[in-house]
Amino acid sequence: MQPANRATVITPSQTLAIDAKAKQLKAAGEDVIGLAAGEPDFDTPEHIKAAAMGALEAGFTKYTPSSGIPELRQAIAEKLKADNDLDYEPSQIIVNCGAKHSCFNAMLAVLNEGDEVIIPAPYWLSYPEMVRMAGGEPYIVETTPETGYKLTPEQLRENISPGTKMLILNSPSNPTGSVYTETELVELAEIALEEQIYILSDEIYEKLVYGDAEHTSIAAFTDTTLANTIVVNGFSKSYAMTGWRLGYLAAPKEIAKAVDSIQSHSTSNPTSFAQKGALAALKGPQECVEEMRQKFDERRRRMFELLKNMPSVGVVEPLGAFYMLADISAFGLDSSTFCSQLLEKEKVALVPGVAFGNDRTVRMSFATDLENIEKALGRFARFCQSLR
């Protein structure tokens, strides 16, 4: 018996693989510092947990509508208007099992066999695999440190073909921490409209921006842009709810209807009581989000300071999310070998950049405390010194 072709063309998540290896070493008594996993190290805020526990106690444990409970979809529509200046009806909001699920459902709803999807690299490692599983063809466009790892209008125009159906944008970005400016987004949106391609805008890190950076949704510029864009967001990063598996998308009516149909035949609905927690996240106090953002910012600044002073290591300051890419190409190792040897010799877990389409780099997360960052970067520097 052989698995389906779609299962053989995808690769397992290297992020989870590295994290699993680090945990295995820890369990064996090794002093491992993990900077690989992409989740906040904070607990879910108490009022959110209380809302979910209250729902359980009240017996709110049955099926819900496939696209989520009406009050949550309404709250998301209100949030998108207040925070992002986006006008959606609740019927255009689909709640599902995480932003990852939102991205995958959107691709299933839009892509036909062989459709090309432009993905700027470095990219979140699941995008190309999702495109393949949905029957599309990922078309990777490499970005550079000189542009802050951001896709330029010229690159977009040059790489659109008659087969292009979608552009994926992730701002703030995993793994680069790049944040597109309003001017940059306007230029990209104009090209996408002119060429009549969909934009999948992954905005899961929107609350985690730093310095003078501001998050802008590419869907917000005109009604035409709104009709051409699928916005993806969720609760995992901003509210430290990674294990809750709740995300959402907002889309043109025909796409939202298609996603609803797809979801009704796959997951049936998002977890009932978790939706009550998500409702509390949106409707409750937001100070918890700002407190986490400030802690992340403090860690970001320290990690960047340490990296930029290391000989032969290149780094672009991230203005969003909680990741940093370090260019390690000067040491003559591919990123997988570099990470494997670093974990073995110095017990520091990073993710090889090849997983994100850039073998010159490694990704490290500052979603851990300052003490761990200091220790890990000290070991990282020692390892780099040993390679010179």
Protein backbone atom coordinates (compact mmCIF):
# COMPACT_ATOMS: atom_id res chain seq x y z
CA MET A 1 0.00 0.00 0.00
CA GLN A 2 1.34 3.41 -0.98
CA PRO A 3 0.28 6.83 0.34
CA ALA A 4 -1.26 9.38 -1.99
CA ASN A 5 1.08 11.49 -4.10
CA ARG A 6 0.11 14.61 -2.17
CA ALA A 7 1.44 13.02 1.01
CA THR A 8 4.78 12.12 -0.51
CA VAL A 9 5.64 15.58 -1.90
CA ILE A 10 5.41 17.40 1.42
CA THR A 11 8.11 17.48 4.10
CA PRO A 12 7.66 17.37 7.89
CA SER A 13 7.97 20.62 9.85
CA GLN A 14 11.65 21.20 10.70
CA THR A 15 10.60 23.58 13.47
CA LEU A 16 8.75 20.82 15.29
CA ALA A 17 11.53 18.33 14.53
CA ILE A 18 14.21 20.54 16.10
CA ASP A 19 11.96 21.26 19.08
CA ALA A 20 11.36 17.52 19.56
CA LYS A 21 15.10 16.80 19.45
CA ALA A 22 15.79 19.54 22.01
CA LYS A 23 13.12 18.15 24.32
CA GLN A 24 14.60 14.68 23.96
CA LEU A 25 18.01 15.96 25.05
CA LYS A 26 16.45 17.84 27.96
CA ALA A 27 14.67 14.69 29.08
CA ALA A 28 18.07 12.97 29.08
CA GLY A 29 19.38 15.59 31.50
CA GLU A 30 21.16 17.90 29.05
CA ASP A 31 21.14 21.66 29.66
CA VAL A 32 19.45 22.59 26.39
CA ILE A 33 18.22 26.08 25.56
CA GLY A 34 15.50 26.06 22.94
CA LEU A 35 15.13 29.07 20.66
CA ALA A 36 13.29 27.10 17.99
CA ALA A 37 9.57 26.89 18.75
CA GLY A 38 7.29 29.68 17.61
CA GLU A 39 5.06 30.30 20.58
CA PRO A 40 4.91 32.81 23.44
CA ASP A 41 6.38 31.64 26.73
CA PHE A 42 3.56 33.38 28.63
CA ASP A 43 0.46 31.66 29.96
CA THR A 44 -2.94 32.43 28.47
CA PRO A 45 -4.44 35.41 30.38
CA GLU A 46 -6.66 34.41 33.28
CA HIS A 47 -9.89 36.01 32.04
CA ILE A 48 -9.65 34.00 28.81
CA LYS A 49 -9.12 30.73 30.65
CA ALA A 50 -11.97 31.59 33.01
CA ALA A 51 -14.35 32.12 30.08
CA ALA A 52 -13.51 28.70 28.63
CA MET A 53 -13.83 27.00 32.00
CA GLY A 54 -17.15 28.73 32.54
CA ALA A 55 -18.35 27.44 29.18
CA LEU A 56 -17.37 23.90 30.18
CA GLU A 57 -19.16 24.19 33.49
CA ALA A 58 -22.25 25.48 31.69
CA GLY A 59 -22.24 22.47 29.38
CA PHE A 60 -21.24 24.40 26.26
CA THR A 61 -19.64 21.30 24.77
CA LYS A 62 -21.77 20.48 21.73
CA TYR A 63 -21.44 21.22 18.02
CA THR A 64 -21.52 24.84 16.97
CA PRO A 65 -22.14 26.30 13.50
CA SER A 66 -19.33 25.20 11.19
CA SER A 67 -17.98 28.74 10.84
CA GLY A 68 -18.12 29.56 14.53
CA ILE A 69 -20.64 30.92 17.01
CA PRO A 70 -22.44 34.08 15.80
CA GLU A 71 -21.31 36.26 18.69
CA LEU A 72 -17.64 35.47 18.01
CA ARG A 73 -17.97 36.17 14.29
CA GLN A 74 -19.65 39.46 15.15
CA ALA A 75 -16.86 40.34 17.59
CA ILE A 76 -14.23 39.58 14.95
CA ALA A 77 -16.02 41.78 12.42
CA GLU A 78 -16.04 44.59 14.99
CA LYS A 79 -12.36 44.04 15.75
CA LEU A 80 -11.41 44.17 12.05
CA LYS A 81 -13.28 47.45 11.67
CA ALA A 82 -11.86 49.05 14.83
CA ASP A 83 -8.26 47.86 14.46
CA ASN A 84 -7.80 47.49 10.71
CA ASP A 85 -10.48 49.68 9.07
CA LEU A 86 -11.91 46.63 7.29
CA ASP A 87 -15.64 46.34 6.60
CA TYR A 88 -16.85 42.76 6.80
CA GLU A 89 -20.21 41.25 7.56
CA PRO A 90 -20.15 38.43 10.14
CA SER A 91 -21.09 36.01 7.33
CA GLN A 92 -17.69 36.77 5.73
CA ILE A 93 -15.85 35.65 8.88
CA ILE A 94 -14.91 31.97 9.22
CA VAL A 95 -13.59 30.80 12.59
CA ASN A 96 -11.46 27.69 12.43
CA CYS A 97 -8.71 25.64 14.06
CA GLY A 98 -5.88 28.17 13.96
CA ALA A 99 -4.47 30.62 11.41
CA LYS A 100 -2.67 27.68 9.77
CA HIS A 101 -6.06 26.07 9.18
CA SER A 102 -7.33 29.38 7.80
CA CYS A 103 -4.49 29.56 5.27
CA PHE A 104 -5.02 25.97 4.16
CA ASN A 105 -8.78 26.37 3.80
CA ALA A 106 -8.31 29.57 1.80
CA MET A 107 -5.99 27.77 -0.63
CA LEU A 108 -8.39 24.86 -0.99
CA ALA A 109 -11.17 27.34 -1.79
CA VAL A 110 -9.21 29.34 -4.37
CA LEU A 111 -6.59 27.18 -6.09
CA ASN A 112 -7.16 24.89 -9.02
CA GLU A 113 -4.73 22.19 -10.09
CA GLY A 114 -1.50 23.78 -11.30
CA ASP A 115 -2.26 27.36 -10.21
CA GLU A 116 0.90 29.24 -9.26
CA VAL A 117 1.27 30.96 -5.88
CA ILE A 118 3.99 33.57 -5.38
CA ILE A 119 5.70 33.17 -2.01
CA PRO A 120 8.46 35.60 -0.96
CA ALA A 121 11.40 33.87 0.71
CA PRO A 122 12.29 33.59 3.53
CA TYR A 123 8.76 32.28 4.12
CA TRP A 124 6.87 30.51 6.87
CA LEU A 125 7.75 26.91 6.20
CA SER A 126 4.17 25.61 5.84
CA TYR A 127 3.13 27.87 2.93
CA PRO A 128 4.71 25.86 0.07
CA GLU A 129 3.51 22.56 1.52
CA MET A 130 -0.05 23.86 1.86
CA VAL A 131 0.00 25.10 -1.73
CA ARG A 132 1.11 21.66 -2.92
CA MET A 133 -1.56 19.87 -0.87
CA ALA A 134 -4.17 22.18 -2.39
CA GLY A 135 -3.00 21.25 -5.88
CA GLY A 136 -1.12 24.47 -6.60
CA GLU A 137 2.50 25.18 -7.48
CA PRO A 138 4.58 27.33 -5.11
CA TYR A 139 6.66 29.93 -6.96
CA ILE A 140 9.41 31.17 -4.66
CA VAL A 141 10.79 34.70 -5.03
CA GLU A 142 13.95 35.34 -3.01
CA THR A 143 14.22 38.59 -1.06
CA THR A 144 17.42 40.06 0.37
CA PRO A 145 18.67 41.71 3.56
CA GLU A 146 19.07 44.92 1.57
CA THR A 147 15.28 45.23 1.23
CA GLY A 148 14.69 44.05 4.79
CA TYR A 149 13.67 40.66 3.41
CA LYS A 150 10.62 42.24 1.78
CA LEU A 151 9.18 41.63 -1.69
CA THR A 152 9.58 44.66 -3.94
CA PRO A 153 6.98 45.79 -6.50
CA GLU A 154 9.53 45.12 -9.25
CA GLN A 155 10.02 41.55 -8.08
CA LEU A 156 6.30 40.95 -7.93
CA ARG A 157 5.69 42.29 -11.43
CA GLU A 158 8.61 40.34 -12.91
CA ASN A 159 7.44 37.03 -11.45
CA ILE A 160 3.75 37.10 -12.28
CA SER A 161 2.86 34.69 -15.07
CA PRO A 162 -0.41 33.74 -16.80
CA GLY A 163 -0.65 30.88 -14.28
CA THR A 164 -0.35 33.05 -11.16
CA LYS A 165 -3.46 32.86 -8.97
CA MET A 166 -2.30 34.12 -5.56
CA LEU A 167 0.32 36.10 -3.67
CA ILE A 168 1.03 35.24 -0.03
CA LEU A 169 2.10 38.11 2.23
CA ASN A 170 2.98 37.68 5.90
CA SER A 171 3.43 40.98 7.75
CA PRO A 172 4.75 41.01 10.43
CA SER A 173 6.74 38.09 9.11
CA ASN A 174 7.78 34.72 10.40
CA PRO A 175 10.76 34.14 10.15
CA THR A 176 12.21 37.57 9.31
CA GLY A 177 10.28 39.92 11.60
CA SER A 178 9.82 42.24 8.60
CA VAL A 179 6.89 44.67 8.61
CA TYR A 180 5.69 46.15 5.32
CA THR A 181 4.99 49.88 5.30
CA GLU A 182 1.73 51.30 3.99
CA THR A 183 3.50 52.64 0.91
CA GLU A 184 5.00 49.24 0.14
CA LEU A 185 1.65 47.51 0.57
CA VAL A 186 -0.16 50.00 -1.67
CA GLU A 187 2.30 49.35 -4.49
CA LEU A 188 1.99 45.58 -4.16
CA ALA A 189 -1.81 45.77 -3.94
CA GLU A 190 -2.01 47.85 -7.13
CA ILE A 191 -0.02 45.25 -9.06
CA ALA A 192 -2.11 42.38 -7.69
CA LEU A 193 -5.31 44.17 -8.70
CA GLU A 194 -3.96 44.99 -12.13
CA GLU A 195 -2.99 41.35 -12.70
CA GLN A 196 -6.18 40.03 -11.03
CA ILE A 197 -4.53 37.74 -8.51
CA TYR A 198 -5.69 37.02 -4.98
CA ILE A 199 -3.71 38.19 -1.98
CA LEU A 200 -3.57 35.93 1.08
CA SER A 201 -2.59 38.30 3.89
CA ASP A 202 -1.40 36.42 6.97
CA GLU A 203 -1.61 38.93 9.84
CA ILE A 204 -1.29 36.61 12.83
CA TYR A 205 1.52 38.73 14.39
CA GLU A 206 -0.23 42.08 13.92
CA LYS A 207 -0.17 43.02 17.63
CA LEU A 208 3.56 42.34 17.96
CA VAL A 209 5.26 45.33 16.32
CA TYR A 210 8.10 47.41 17.71
CA GLY A 211 9.82 50.78 17.43
CA ASP A 212 8.21 53.03 14.85
CA ALA A 213 6.70 50.14 12.89
CA GLU A 214 2.93 50.02 12.41
CA HIS A 215 0.82 47.17 11.17
CA THR A 216 -1.37 47.94 8.16
CA SER A 217 -3.66 45.44 6.47
CA ILE A 218 -3.21 45.34 2.71
CA ALA A 219 -6.97 44.84 2.39
CA ALA A 220 -7.72 48.29 3.83
CA PHE A 221 -6.90 50.57 0.91
CA THR A 222 -9.96 50.36 -1.35
CA ASP A 223 -13.14 48.32 -1.75
CA THR A 224 -11.50 46.64 -4.73
CA THR A 225 -8.50 45.61 -2.64
CA LEU A 226 -10.85 44.26 0.03
CA ALA A 227 -12.60 42.14 -2.60
CA ASN A 228 -9.27 40.77 -3.78
CA THR A 229 -7.82 39.83 -0.38
CA ILE A 230 -8.26 37.03 2.13
CA VAL A 231 -7.20 38.20 5.59
CA VAL A 232 -5.98 35.57 8.05
CA ASN A 233 -5.55 36.14 11.77
CA GLY A 234 -6.05 34.37 15.07
CA PHE A 235 -5.49 34.25 18.81
CA SER A 236 -2.33 32.14 19.18
CA LYS A 237 0.38 34.79 19.19
CA SER A 238 -1.27 37.92 20.59
CA TYR A 239 -3.08 36.16 23.43
CA ALA A 240 -0.67 33.25 24.07
CA MET A 241 -3.30 30.73 22.96
CA THR A 242 -1.25 28.48 20.68
CA GLY A 243 -2.69 25.20 21.98
CA TRP A 244 -6.27 26.45 21.78
CA ARG A 245 -6.15 26.14 17.98
CA LEU A 246 -8.39 29.03 17.06
CA GLY A 247 -7.96 31.32 14.09
CA TYR A 248 -10.13 33.05 11.53
CA LEU A 249 -10.24 34.40 8.04
CA ALA A 250 -12.20 37.24 6.47
CA ALA A 251 -12.90 36.95 2.78
CA PRO A 252 -15.14 37.98 -0.12
CA LYS A 253 -18.55 36.39 0.24
CA GLU A 254 -18.10 33.69 -2.41
CA ILE A 255 -14.76 32.62 -0.91
CA ALA A 256 -16.11 32.64 2.64
CA LYS A 257 -19.03 30.47 1.53
CA ALA A 258 -16.67 28.01 -0.12
CA VAL A 259 -14.46 27.84 2.99
CA ASP A 260 -17.54 27.24 5.14
CA SER A 261 -18.49 24.27 2.95
CA ILE A 262 -14.95 22.86 3.07
CA GLN A 263 -14.81 23.23 6.84
CA SER A 264 -18.20 21.60 7.36
CA HIS A 265 -16.81 18.44 5.79
CA SER A 266 -13.46 18.45 7.59
CA THR A 267 -13.47 19.71 11.19
CA SER A 268 -17.25 20.29 11.45
CA ASN A 269 -16.63 23.33 13.69
CA PRO A 270 -14.02 24.96 15.92
CA THR A 271 -13.95 23.71 19.53
CA SER A 272 -17.02 25.04 21.28
CA PHE A 273 -15.70 26.14 24.67
CA ALA A 274 -12.45 27.48 23.14
CA GLN A 275 -14.59 29.90 21.13
CA LYS A 276 -15.93 31.35 24.37
CA GLY A 277 -12.33 31.95 25.42
CA ALA A 278 -11.63 33.71 22.12
CA LEU A 279 -14.68 35.89 22.62
CA ALA A 280 -13.34 36.92 26.03
CA ALA A 281 -9.96 37.65 24.43
CA LEU A 282 -11.52 40.13 22.01
CA LYS A 283 -14.04 41.65 24.39
CA GLY A 284 -11.98 41.65 27.57
CA PRO A 285 -9.06 43.82 28.77
CA GLN A 286 -6.21 44.25 26.29
CA GLU A 287 -3.49 45.29 28.74
CA CYS A 288 -2.21 41.70 28.75
CA VAL A 289 -1.37 41.98 25.06
CA GLU A 290 0.62 45.18 25.58
CA GLU A 291 2.46 43.71 28.56
CA MET A 292 3.58 40.73 26.47
CA ARG A 293 4.53 43.00 23.56
CA GLN A 294 6.74 45.13 25.81
CA LYS A 295 8.50 42.05 27.19
CA PHE A 296 9.09 40.76 23.66
CA ASP A 297 10.46 44.16 22.66
CA GLU A 298 12.94 44.16 25.53
CA ARG A 299 14.17 40.71 24.52
CA ARG A 300 14.28 41.69 20.84
CA ARG A 301 16.51 44.66 21.52
CA ARG A 302 18.90 42.59 23.62
CA MET A 303 19.14 39.74 21.12
CA PHE A 304 19.76 42.17 18.26
CA GLU A 305 22.43 43.98 20.24
CA LEU A 306 24.27 40.73 20.92
CA LEU A 307 24.04 39.44 17.36
CA LYS A 308 25.03 42.64 15.55
CA ASN A 309 28.28 42.74 17.53
CA MET A 310 29.31 39.19 16.57
CA PRO A 311 32.02 38.94 13.89
CA SER A 312 30.92 37.26 10.63
CA VAL A 313 27.25 37.09 11.66
CA GLY A 314 24.77 39.14 9.66
CA VAL A 315 21.44 40.30 11.06
CA VAL A 316 18.56 42.57 10.01
CA GLU A 317 16.67 44.17 12.88
CA PRO A 318 13.18 42.65 13.09
CA LEU A 319 10.32 45.09 13.67
CA GLY A 320 7.62 42.51 14.33
CA ALA A 321 6.78 38.98 15.50
CA PHE A 322 9.34 37.31 17.84
CA TYR A 323 11.99 35.93 15.53
CA MET A 324 15.41 36.95 14.28
CA LEU A 325 17.33 35.62 11.28
CA ALA A 326 21.09 35.37 11.59
CA ASP A 327 23.17 35.02 8.42
CA ILE A 328 25.77 32.32 9.13
CA SER A 329 26.97 31.80 5.55
CA ALA A 330 30.45 33.14 6.40
CA PHE A 331 31.16 29.96 8.39
CA GLY A 332 30.99 27.64 5.38
CA LEU A 333 28.24 25.36 6.69
CA ASP A 334 24.75 24.85 5.36
CA SER A 335 22.06 25.82 7.84
CA SER A 336 21.05 22.24 8.76
CA THR A 337 24.62 21.22 9.53
CA PHE A 338 25.17 24.42 11.49
CA CYS A 339 22.08 23.84 13.64
CA SER A 340 22.84 20.16 14.15
CA GLN A 341 26.38 20.85 15.32
CA LEU A 342 25.27 23.78 17.49
CA LEU A 343 22.71 21.58 19.24
CA GLU A 344 25.21 18.77 19.71
CA LYS A 345 28.15 20.87 20.91
CA GLU A 346 26.55 23.81 22.70
CA LYS A 347 23.03 22.52 23.42
CA VAL A 348 21.27 25.43 21.72
CA ALA A 349 18.30 24.66 19.46
CA LEU A 350 17.70 26.89 16.43
CA VAL A 351 15.84 26.28 13.17
CA PRO A 352 17.86 25.97 9.95
CA GLY A 353 17.01 28.65 7.42
CA VAL A 354 16.65 26.08 4.65
CA ALA A 355 13.24 25.32 6.17
CA PHE A 356 12.25 28.89 5.28
CA GLY A 357 13.81 28.92 1.84
CA ASN A 358 17.11 30.56 2.84
CA ASP A 359 19.99 28.19 3.56
CA ARG A 360 22.31 31.09 4.49
CA THR A 361 20.48 31.75 7.74
CA VAL A 362 19.23 30.29 11.01
CA ARG A 363 16.12 31.40 12.88
CA MET A 364 16.07 32.09 16.59
CA SER A 365 13.06 33.05 18.68
CA PHE A 366 13.08 35.64 21.44
CA ALA A 367 9.93 34.15 22.94
CA THR A 368 11.92 33.19 26.02
CA ASP A 369 13.32 35.08 29.00
CA LEU A 370 16.38 37.32 28.98
CA GLU A 371 18.44 34.87 31.00
CA ASN A 372 17.99 32.17 28.37
CA ILE A 373 18.72 34.64 25.58
CA GLU A 374 21.96 35.73 27.24
CA LYS A 375 23.08 32.12 27.83
CA ALA A 376 22.07 30.91 24.39
CA LEU A 377 23.75 33.78 22.53
CA GLY A 378 26.91 33.29 24.61
CA ARG A 379 27.03 29.65 23.50
CA PHE A 380 26.15 30.66 19.94
CA ALA A 381 29.06 33.13 19.87
CA ARG A 382 31.43 30.50 21.25
CA PHE A 383 30.35 28.03 18.59
CA CYS A 384 30.78 30.61 15.81
CA GLN A 385 34.26 31.43 17.14
CA SER A 386 35.19 27.76 16.93
CA LEU A 387 34.33 27.75 13.21
CA ARG A 388 36.54 30.70 12.28
